[in-house]
Amino acid sequence: MMEDMRETAPAMMQGMMAKDPDVAFVCGMIAHHTAAITKTVEAVRQVWPKCFPLAAHFGVLEFDGRHNPTF
């Protein structure tokens, strides 16, 4: 666990150097969550059968203020 923290700490600390505290928090959390997803995928790959695909789809839905979704 400490080794994992050593890997993610520099990116988290860099993100948290933003002047705006809200931006700093989000930037730090992006690095943290990216590392969590990566570690989860690595663990799943160790036990997931090779004949099954392992895929994830991430999407973002934005709104233009007029209740019209934009992709």
N, C-alpha and C. Protein backbone atom coordinates (compact mmCIF):
# COMPACT_ATOMS: atom_id res chain seq x y z
N MET A 1 0.82 -1.19 0.00
CA MET A 1 0.00 0.00 0.00
C MET A 1 0.88 1.26 0.00
N MET A 2 1.93 1.26 0.79
CA MET A 2 2.81 2.43 0.84
C MET A 2 3.47 2.66 -0.52
N GLU A 3 3.79 1.58 -1.21
CA GLU A 3 4.39 1.71 -2.54
C GLU A 3 3.40 2.38 -3.50
N ASP A 4 2.13 1.99 -3.40
CA ASP A 4 1.10 2.62 -4.23
C ASP A 4 1.00 4.11 -3.93
N MET A 5 1.10 4.47 -2.67
CA MET A 5 1.01 5.89 -2.29
C MET A 5 2.21 6.66 -2.83
N ARG A 6 3.37 6.03 -2.83
CA ARG A 6 4.57 6.71 -3.37
C ARG A 6 4.42 6.98 -4.85
N GLU A 7 3.70 6.09 -5.55
CA GLU A 7 3.49 6.28 -6.99
C GLU A 7 2.52 7.42 -7.27
N THR A 8 1.48 7.55 -6.47
CA THR A 8 0.43 8.54 -6.75
C THR A 8 0.66 9.88 -6.06
N ALA A 9 1.44 9.90 -5.00
CA ALA A 9 1.62 11.12 -4.23
C ALA A 9 2.14 12.30 -5.06
N PRO A 10 3.14 12.13 -5.93
CA PRO A 10 3.62 13.29 -6.69
C PRO A 10 2.54 13.93 -7.56
N ALA A 11 1.75 13.13 -8.25
CA ALA A 11 0.69 13.69 -9.09
C ALA A 11 -0.38 14.37 -8.25
N MET A 12 -0.72 13.76 -7.11
CA MET A 12 -1.72 14.36 -6.24
C MET A 12 -1.22 15.69 -5.68
N MET A 13 0.03 15.71 -5.25
CA MET A 13 0.59 16.94 -4.69
C MET A 13 0.69 18.04 -5.73
N GLN A 14 1.07 17.67 -6.94
CA GLN A 14 1.14 18.66 -8.01
C GLN A 14 -0.23 19.25 -8.28
N GLY A 15 -1.25 18.39 -8.31
CA GLY A 15 -2.61 18.85 -8.54
C GLY A 15 -3.09 19.78 -7.44
N MET A 16 -2.68 19.50 -6.22
CA MET A 16 -3.15 20.29 -5.08
C MET A 16 -2.40 21.62 -4.92
N MET A 17 -1.51 21.93 -5.83
CA MET A 17 -0.76 23.19 -5.75
C MET A 17 -1.51 24.35 -6.40
N ALA A 18 -2.65 24.09 -6.99
CA ALA A 18 -3.43 25.17 -7.61
C ALA A 18 -3.81 26.20 -6.54
N LYS A 19 -3.91 27.44 -6.94
CA LYS A 19 -4.22 28.52 -5.99
C LYS A 19 -5.64 28.43 -5.47
N ASP A 20 -6.57 28.07 -6.33
CA ASP A 20 -7.97 27.93 -5.91
C ASP A 20 -8.13 26.61 -5.17
N PRO A 21 -8.60 26.62 -3.92
CA PRO A 21 -8.69 25.38 -3.16
C PRO A 21 -9.63 24.35 -3.78
N ASP A 22 -10.69 24.79 -4.42
CA ASP A 22 -11.60 23.85 -5.07
C ASP A 22 -10.93 23.17 -6.25
N VAL A 23 -10.21 23.94 -7.05
CA VAL A 23 -9.48 23.38 -8.19
C VAL A 23 -8.39 22.43 -7.69
N ALA A 24 -7.70 22.82 -6.63
CA ALA A 24 -6.64 21.98 -6.07
C ALA A 24 -7.21 20.65 -5.60
N PHE A 25 -8.36 20.68 -4.93
CA PHE A 25 -8.97 19.44 -4.45
C PHE A 25 -9.32 18.53 -5.62
N VAL A 26 -9.97 19.08 -6.63
CA VAL A 26 -10.38 18.27 -7.78
C VAL A 26 -9.16 17.70 -8.50
N CYS A 27 -8.15 18.51 -8.71
CA CYS A 27 -6.95 18.02 -9.39
C CYS A 27 -6.27 16.91 -8.61
N GLY A 28 -6.23 17.03 -7.30
CA GLY A 28 -5.65 15.98 -6.47
C GLY A 28 -6.48 14.71 -6.54
N MET A 29 -7.79 14.85 -6.55
CA MET A 29 -8.67 13.69 -6.60
C MET A 29 -8.63 13.00 -7.96
N ILE A 30 -8.39 13.74 -9.03
CA ILE A 30 -8.27 13.11 -10.35
C ILE A 30 -7.12 12.12 -10.34
N ALA A 31 -5.99 12.53 -9.81
CA ALA A 31 -4.83 11.63 -9.73
C ALA A 31 -5.15 10.44 -8.84
N HIS A 32 -5.81 10.68 -7.73
CA HIS A 32 -6.15 9.61 -6.79
C HIS A 32 -7.10 8.60 -7.43
N HIS A 33 -8.14 9.08 -8.07
CA HIS A 33 -9.12 8.17 -8.67
C HIS A 33 -8.56 7.44 -9.89
N THR A 34 -7.72 8.11 -10.65
CA THR A 34 -7.07 7.44 -11.78
C THR A 34 -6.23 6.26 -11.29
N ALA A 35 -5.51 6.48 -10.22
CA ALA A 35 -4.70 5.39 -9.66
C ALA A 35 -5.59 4.26 -9.13
N ALA A 36 -6.70 4.61 -8.51
CA ALA A 36 -7.61 3.58 -7.99
C ALA A 36 -8.18 2.73 -9.12
N ILE A 37 -8.56 3.36 -10.21
CA ILE A 37 -9.09 2.63 -11.36
C ILE A 37 -8.01 1.73 -11.94
N THR A 38 -6.81 2.25 -12.08
CA THR A 38 -5.70 1.47 -12.64
C THR A 38 -5.42 0.23 -11.77
N LYS A 39 -5.35 0.41 -10.46
CA LYS A 39 -5.09 -0.72 -9.56
C LYS A 39 -6.22 -1.74 -9.62
N THR A 40 -7.46 -1.28 -9.74
CA THR A 40 -8.59 -2.20 -9.84
C THR A 40 -8.52 -3.02 -11.11
N VAL A 41 -8.22 -2.37 -12.22
CA VAL A 41 -8.11 -3.09 -13.50
C VAL A 41 -6.97 -4.11 -13.43
N GLU A 42 -5.86 -3.74 -12.85
CA GLU A 42 -4.74 -4.68 -12.71
C GLU A 42 -5.15 -5.90 -11.89
N ALA A 43 -5.90 -5.69 -10.80
CA ALA A 43 -6.33 -6.81 -9.96
C ALA A 43 -7.33 -7.70 -10.69
N VAL A 44 -8.26 -7.09 -11.42
CA VAL A 44 -9.26 -7.86 -12.16
C VAL A 44 -8.59 -8.68 -13.25
N ARG A 45 -7.63 -8.11 -13.94
CA ARG A 45 -6.94 -8.83 -15.01
C ARG A 45 -6.25 -10.10 -14.50
N GLN A 46 -5.87 -10.12 -13.25
CA GLN A 46 -5.21 -11.31 -12.69
C GLN A 46 -6.17 -12.49 -12.56
N VAL A 47 -7.46 -12.23 -12.41
CA VAL A 47 -8.43 -13.31 -12.20
C VAL A 47 -9.46 -13.44 -13.32
N TRP A 48 -9.57 -12.44 -14.18
CA TRP A 48 -10.56 -12.44 -15.25
C TRP A 48 -10.10 -13.37 -16.37
N PRO A 49 -10.97 -14.27 -16.86
CA PRO A 49 -10.57 -15.18 -17.94
C PRO A 49 -10.13 -14.42 -19.19
N LYS A 50 -9.04 -14.87 -19.78
CA LYS A 50 -8.47 -14.19 -20.95
C LYS A 50 -9.42 -14.19 -22.14
N CYS A 51 -10.35 -15.18 -22.18
CA CYS A 51 -11.26 -15.26 -23.32
C CYS A 51 -12.37 -14.21 -23.26
N PHE A 52 -12.51 -13.52 -22.13
CA PHE A 52 -13.52 -12.46 -22.01
C PHE A 52 -12.85 -11.10 -22.09
N PRO A 53 -13.43 -10.19 -22.84
CA PRO A 53 -12.83 -8.86 -22.91
C PRO A 53 -13.03 -8.09 -21.61
N LEU A 54 -12.08 -7.26 -21.32
CA LEU A 54 -12.18 -6.37 -20.16
C LEU A 54 -12.16 -4.96 -20.72
N ALA A 55 -13.28 -4.30 -20.65
CA ALA A 55 -13.38 -2.97 -21.25
C ALA A 55 -14.23 -2.07 -20.36
N ALA A 56 -13.98 -0.79 -20.48
CA ALA A 56 -14.76 0.21 -19.76
C ALA A 56 -15.03 1.37 -20.71
N HIS A 57 -16.19 1.95 -20.57
CA HIS A 57 -16.56 3.11 -21.38
C HIS A 57 -16.91 4.23 -20.43
N PHE A 58 -16.21 5.33 -20.57
CA PHE A 58 -16.48 6.50 -19.74
C PHE A 58 -16.99 7.60 -20.65
N GLY A 59 -18.04 8.26 -20.26
CA GLY A 59 -18.59 9.33 -21.07
C GLY A 59 -18.93 10.53 -20.20
N VAL A 60 -19.02 11.64 -20.86
CA VAL A 60 -19.37 12.88 -20.17
C VAL A 60 -20.57 13.47 -20.88
N LEU A 61 -21.55 13.85 -20.11
CA LEU A 61 -22.74 14.48 -20.65
C LEU A 61 -22.76 15.91 -20.13
N GLU A 62 -22.79 16.86 -21.03
CA GLU A 62 -22.81 18.26 -20.65
C GLU A 62 -24.14 18.87 -21.05
N PHE A 63 -24.53 19.89 -20.34
CA PHE A 63 -25.76 20.59 -20.67
C PHE A 63 -25.44 22.03 -21.03
N ASP A 64 -26.14 22.53 -22.03
CA ASP A 64 -25.86 23.89 -22.50
C ASP A 64 -26.71 24.94 -21.81
N GLY A 65 -27.43 24.57 -20.75
CA GLY A 65 -28.26 25.52 -20.04
C GLY A 65 -29.68 25.59 -20.54
N ARG A 66 -29.95 24.96 -21.68
CA ARG A 66 -31.30 24.97 -22.24
C ARG A 66 -31.88 23.56 -22.21
N HIS A 67 -31.35 22.73 -21.35
CA HIS A 67 -31.79 21.35 -21.20
C HIS A 67 -31.57 20.54 -22.46
N ASN A 68 -30.58 20.92 -23.26
CA ASN A 68 -30.22 20.16 -24.45
C ASN A 68 -28.88 19.50 -24.19
N PRO A 69 -28.86 18.19 -24.06
CA PRO A 69 -27.57 17.53 -23.82
C PRO A 69 -26.66 17.64 -25.03
N THR A 70 -25.38 17.84 -24.76
CA THR A 70 -24.36 17.87 -25.82
C THR A 70 -23.36 16.77 -25.53
N PHE A 71 -22.89 16.14 -26.53
CA PHE A 71 -21.96 15.03 -26.35
C PHE A 71 -20.62 15.36 -26.96
